[in-house]
Structures are given as C-alpha cells and as structure tokens.
Amino acid sequence: MLVDDGSAAVSLPECRCSRAARHRRAHPVTDKRKVRRDHADVFCTTEEGVKGKKAVEWRLVDEAMPRSKLDETVAERAKKIASRQEQERT
C-alpha cells in the first residue's frame, strides 16, 4: 500500500546505475526484484521515483490511496488475512 499524498514515491536505491551499465542494459534490479528493464531504465534516470497511479500500474505496490482511507483499508486487509489464517487452521 502506498499513501498517495502527492509526495510519496517508490524508489529502488540499489538502482543507482552507472552510465556504462545503462548502455549495456545491465540492471541487477531486474532479476532481484523482477522489475522490467524499461522500468529499471526509468528508475536509473529519475531521482524522484515512481508515484501513485504509475506505481500501481507497474505493480510496484498493490494499491495507492489517500491518507484519509489508510486506516479503513488496513483494517479491512487485516480482517481478510485473519479470516484466511483461521480457515487454514480448521
């Protein structure tokens, strides 16, 4: 979950690629984190990371929501997880 407040972003700190690595298209993050090569290129060339809707579209986060809905969403997700775990026990 990402709180989409306009300033939150997803970034990959290990993707500080050198210029030579970008030219070779060698991105260690593509294998380790299963990030597409074209997305890794964006991470390597921007400092601000990927925000909100784009992070969801790129499947970097499950969902993005305003801060006002965070508590409600976390509570719903916790209930679902708890009920699944309870069903697995029985």
N, C-alpha and C. Protein backbone atom coordinates (compact mmCIF):
# COMPACT_ATOMS: atom_id res chain seq x y z
N MET A 1 0.83 -1.18 0.00
CA MET A 1 0.00 0.00 0.00
C MET A 1 0.88 1.24 0.00
N LEU A 2 0.45 2.21 -0.73
CA LEU A 2 1.16 3.48 -0.80
C LEU A 2 0.18 4.59 -0.49
N VAL A 3 0.52 5.42 0.47
CA VAL A 3 -0.30 6.60 0.75
C VAL A 3 0.02 7.62 -0.31
N ASP A 4 -0.95 7.90 -1.17
CA ASP A 4 -0.74 8.79 -2.30
C ASP A 4 -1.07 10.22 -1.87
N ASP A 5 -0.07 10.86 -1.27
CA ASP A 5 -0.27 12.23 -0.79
C ASP A 5 0.41 13.26 -1.70
N GLY A 6 0.85 12.82 -2.85
CA GLY A 6 1.50 13.73 -3.79
C GLY A 6 3.01 13.77 -3.66
N SER A 7 3.52 13.35 -2.51
CA SER A 7 4.97 13.36 -2.35
C SER A 7 5.55 11.96 -2.16
N ALA A 8 4.72 10.98 -1.83
CA ALA A 8 5.20 9.60 -1.63
C ALA A 8 5.55 8.98 -2.97
N ALA A 9 6.64 8.23 -2.99
CA ALA A 9 7.08 7.59 -4.22
C ALA A 9 7.80 6.29 -3.89
N VAL A 10 7.82 5.39 -4.86
CA VAL A 10 8.56 4.14 -4.74
C VAL A 10 9.89 4.34 -5.46
N SER A 11 10.96 3.98 -4.79
CA SER A 11 12.27 4.06 -5.45
C SER A 11 13.06 2.81 -5.12
N LEU A 12 14.03 2.54 -5.93
CA LEU A 12 14.89 1.39 -5.73
C LEU A 12 16.31 1.90 -5.53
N PRO A 13 16.75 2.00 -4.30
CA PRO A 13 18.07 2.60 -4.03
C PRO A 13 19.22 1.86 -4.67
N GLU A 14 19.08 0.55 -4.88
CA GLU A 14 20.19 -0.19 -5.48
C GLU A 14 20.29 0.05 -6.98
N CYS A 15 19.38 0.81 -7.53
CA CYS A 15 19.37 1.05 -8.97
C CYS A 15 20.08 2.35 -9.33
N ARG A 16 21.08 2.71 -8.59
CA ARG A 16 21.90 3.86 -8.93
C ARG A 16 22.93 3.39 -9.95
N CYS A 17 22.45 3.27 -11.17
CA CYS A 17 23.27 2.67 -12.23
C CYS A 17 24.30 3.65 -12.75
N SER A 18 25.42 3.12 -13.13
CA SER A 18 26.42 3.95 -13.79
C SER A 18 26.00 4.12 -15.24
N ARG A 19 26.54 5.10 -15.88
CA ARG A 19 26.22 5.35 -17.27
C ARG A 19 26.59 4.13 -18.13
N ALA A 20 27.72 3.50 -17.84
CA ALA A 20 28.15 2.33 -18.60
C ALA A 20 27.15 1.18 -18.45
N ALA A 21 26.63 0.98 -17.24
CA ALA A 21 25.66 -0.09 -17.02
C ALA A 21 24.38 0.17 -17.79
N ARG A 22 23.95 1.43 -17.88
CA ARG A 22 22.74 1.75 -18.63
C ARG A 22 22.93 1.44 -20.11
N HIS A 23 24.14 1.70 -20.63
CA HIS A 23 24.38 1.43 -22.04
C HIS A 23 24.42 -0.06 -22.32
N ARG A 24 24.89 -0.85 -21.37
CA ARG A 24 24.92 -2.31 -21.54
C ARG A 24 23.57 -2.92 -21.23
N ARG A 25 22.65 -2.12 -20.68
CA ARG A 25 21.34 -2.59 -20.25
C ARG A 25 21.47 -3.63 -19.15
N ALA A 26 22.48 -3.48 -18.32
CA ALA A 26 22.72 -4.41 -17.21
C ALA A 26 22.12 -3.82 -15.95
N HIS A 27 20.99 -4.34 -15.54
CA HIS A 27 20.31 -3.86 -14.35
C HIS A 27 20.19 -5.00 -13.36
N PRO A 28 20.99 -5.01 -12.31
CA PRO A 28 20.86 -6.10 -11.34
C PRO A 28 19.47 -6.16 -10.72
N VAL A 29 18.78 -5.04 -10.68
CA VAL A 29 17.47 -5.00 -10.05
C VAL A 29 16.41 -5.75 -10.87
N THR A 30 16.63 -5.94 -12.16
CA THR A 30 15.62 -6.63 -12.97
C THR A 30 15.47 -8.08 -12.55
N ASP A 31 16.54 -8.71 -12.14
CA ASP A 31 16.45 -10.10 -11.69
C ASP A 31 16.05 -10.20 -10.23
N LYS A 32 16.66 -9.37 -9.41
CA LYS A 32 16.46 -9.45 -7.97
C LYS A 32 15.03 -9.08 -7.57
N ARG A 33 14.49 -8.03 -8.17
CA ARG A 33 13.16 -7.54 -7.78
C ARG A 33 12.10 -7.74 -8.84
N LYS A 34 12.46 -8.41 -9.92
CA LYS A 34 11.51 -8.67 -11.00
C LYS A 34 10.92 -7.39 -11.60
N VAL A 35 11.78 -6.41 -11.80
CA VAL A 35 11.37 -5.14 -12.42
C VAL A 35 11.71 -5.21 -13.90
N ARG A 36 10.77 -4.80 -14.73
CA ARG A 36 11.02 -4.82 -16.17
C ARG A 36 12.20 -3.91 -16.51
N ARG A 37 12.92 -4.25 -17.56
CA ARG A 37 14.10 -3.46 -17.95
C ARG A 37 13.75 -2.02 -18.28
N ASP A 38 12.65 -1.79 -18.98
CA ASP A 38 12.30 -0.41 -19.33
C ASP A 38 11.93 0.39 -18.07
N HIS A 39 11.34 -0.27 -17.09
CA HIS A 39 11.04 0.41 -15.83
C HIS A 39 12.33 0.68 -15.06
N ALA A 40 13.28 -0.27 -15.10
CA ALA A 40 14.57 -0.06 -14.45
C ALA A 40 15.29 1.13 -15.06
N ASP A 41 15.15 1.31 -16.37
CA ASP A 41 15.76 2.48 -17.02
C ASP A 41 15.21 3.77 -16.42
N VAL A 42 13.91 3.80 -16.18
CA VAL A 42 13.29 5.00 -15.59
C VAL A 42 13.84 5.23 -14.18
N PHE A 43 13.94 4.17 -13.38
CA PHE A 43 14.49 4.31 -12.03
C PHE A 43 15.91 4.84 -12.06
N CYS A 44 16.66 4.44 -13.06
CA CYS A 44 18.07 4.86 -13.14
C CYS A 44 18.22 6.30 -13.62
N THR A 45 17.20 6.84 -14.25
CA THR A 45 17.34 8.18 -14.82
C THR A 45 16.54 9.24 -14.08
N THR A 46 15.73 8.84 -13.11
CA THR A 46 14.98 9.83 -12.33
C THR A 46 15.32 9.69 -10.86
N GLU A 47 15.34 10.81 -10.18
CA GLU A 47 15.65 10.80 -8.75
C GLU A 47 14.41 10.70 -7.89
N GLU A 48 13.26 11.12 -8.41
CA GLU A 48 12.07 11.20 -7.58
C GLU A 48 11.32 9.88 -7.42
N GLY A 49 11.65 8.86 -8.16
CA GLY A 49 10.96 7.59 -8.04
C GLY A 49 9.65 7.57 -8.81
N VAL A 50 8.82 6.59 -8.53
CA VAL A 50 7.55 6.41 -9.22
C VAL A 50 6.43 6.66 -8.23
N LYS A 51 5.50 7.51 -8.60
CA LYS A 51 4.44 7.92 -7.68
C LYS A 51 3.10 7.26 -8.01
N GLY A 52 2.25 7.20 -7.01
CA GLY A 52 0.84 6.83 -7.06
C GLY A 52 0.38 5.86 -8.12
N LYS A 53 -0.42 6.37 -9.08
CA LYS A 53 -1.06 5.52 -10.09
C LYS A 53 -0.04 4.74 -10.90
N LYS A 54 1.07 5.39 -11.23
CA LYS A 54 2.08 4.70 -12.04
C LYS A 54 2.68 3.53 -11.26
N ALA A 55 2.89 3.70 -9.96
CA ALA A 55 3.42 2.61 -9.13
C ALA A 55 2.47 1.42 -9.10
N VAL A 56 1.17 1.69 -9.09
CA VAL A 56 0.17 0.62 -9.13
C VAL A 56 0.18 -0.04 -10.51
N GLU A 57 0.19 0.77 -11.58
CA GLU A 57 0.21 0.24 -12.94
C GLU A 57 1.43 -0.65 -13.17
N TRP A 58 2.57 -0.26 -12.62
CA TRP A 58 3.81 -1.02 -12.78
C TRP A 58 3.90 -2.19 -11.80
N ARG A 59 2.87 -2.37 -10.98
CA ARG A 59 2.78 -3.44 -9.98
C ARG A 59 3.93 -3.38 -8.96
N LEU A 60 4.31 -2.16 -8.60
CA LEU A 60 5.32 -1.97 -7.56
C LEU A 60 4.66 -1.96 -6.19
N VAL A 61 3.40 -1.57 -6.14
CA VAL A 61 2.59 -1.60 -4.92
C VAL A 61 1.23 -2.20 -5.27
N ASP A 62 0.54 -2.72 -4.27
CA ASP A 62 -0.78 -3.31 -4.51
C ASP A 62 -1.83 -2.24 -4.79
N GLU A 63 -1.75 -1.15 -4.04
CA GLU A 63 -2.72 -0.09 -4.23
C GLU A 63 -2.18 1.22 -3.66
N ALA A 64 -2.72 2.31 -4.19
CA ALA A 64 -2.39 3.65 -3.70
C ALA A 64 -3.70 4.29 -3.24
N MET A 65 -3.64 4.94 -2.11
CA MET A 65 -4.86 5.53 -1.55
C MET A 65 -4.55 6.84 -0.85
N PRO A 66 -5.55 7.69 -0.69
CA PRO A 66 -5.33 8.90 0.09
C PRO A 66 -5.15 8.55 1.57
N ARG A 67 -4.48 9.40 2.29
CA ARG A 67 -4.22 9.17 3.71
C ARG A 67 -5.52 8.96 4.49
N SER A 68 -6.58 9.62 4.08
CA SER A 68 -7.87 9.53 4.79
C SER A 68 -8.46 8.11 4.76
N LYS A 69 -8.08 7.29 3.79
CA LYS A 69 -8.62 5.93 3.69
C LYS A 69 -7.66 4.87 4.20
N LEU A 70 -6.49 5.26 4.68
CA LEU A 70 -5.47 4.30 5.08
C LEU A 70 -5.94 3.40 6.23
N ASP A 71 -6.43 3.98 7.31
CA ASP A 71 -6.84 3.19 8.47
C ASP A 71 -7.92 2.18 8.12
N GLU A 72 -8.91 2.63 7.36
CA GLU A 72 -10.00 1.75 6.95
C GLU A 72 -9.49 0.60 6.09
N THR A 73 -8.62 0.91 5.15
CA THR A 73 -8.08 -0.11 4.25
C THR A 73 -7.21 -1.12 4.99
N VAL A 74 -6.40 -0.64 5.92
CA VAL A 74 -5.54 -1.54 6.71
C VAL A 74 -6.40 -2.46 7.56
N ALA A 75 -7.46 -1.93 8.17
CA ALA A 75 -8.34 -2.75 8.99
C ALA A 75 -9.03 -3.84 8.14
N GLU A 76 -9.51 -3.47 6.95
CA GLU A 76 -10.14 -4.45 6.07
C GLU A 76 -9.16 -5.53 5.67
N ARG A 77 -7.95 -5.13 5.30
CA ARG A 77 -6.93 -6.10 4.87
C ARG A 77 -6.56 -7.03 6.03
N ALA A 78 -6.45 -6.50 7.24
CA ALA A 78 -6.11 -7.32 8.40
C ALA A 78 -7.21 -8.35 8.68
N LYS A 79 -8.47 -7.94 8.54
CA LYS A 79 -9.58 -8.88 8.75
C LYS A 79 -9.54 -10.01 7.73
N LYS A 80 -9.26 -9.68 6.47
CA LYS A 80 -9.19 -10.71 5.43
C LYS A 80 -8.07 -11.70 5.72
N ILE A 81 -6.92 -11.19 6.11
CA ILE A 81 -5.78 -12.07 6.41
C ILE A 81 -6.09 -12.96 7.61
N ALA A 82 -6.69 -12.36 8.64
CA ALA A 82 -7.03 -13.14 9.83
C ALA A 82 -8.04 -14.23 9.51
N SER A 83 -9.04 -13.92 8.70
CA SER A 83 -10.06 -14.93 8.36
C SER A 83 -9.44 -16.04 7.52
N ARG A 84 -8.52 -15.71 6.60
CA ARG A 84 -7.83 -16.73 5.81
C ARG A 84 -7.01 -17.66 6.69
N GLN A 85 -6.30 -17.08 7.65
CA GLN A 85 -5.49 -17.88 8.56
C GLN A 85 -6.37 -18.77 9.42
N GLU A 86 -7.50 -18.27 9.85
CA GLU A 86 -8.43 -19.07 10.64
C GLU A 86 -8.98 -20.24 9.85
N GLN A 87 -9.30 -19.99 8.57
CA GLN A 87 -9.81 -21.06 7.70
C GLN A 87 -8.75 -22.13 7.46
N GLU A 88 -7.49 -21.73 7.36
CA GLU A 88 -6.41 -22.69 7.14
C GLU A 88 -6.20 -23.58 8.35
N ARG A 89 -6.47 -23.08 9.53
CA ARG A 89 -6.29 -23.85 10.76
C ARG A 89 -7.36 -24.90 10.93
N THR A 90 -8.53 -24.65 10.36
CA THR A 90 -9.64 -25.61 10.54
C THR A 90 -9.77 -26.56 9.40
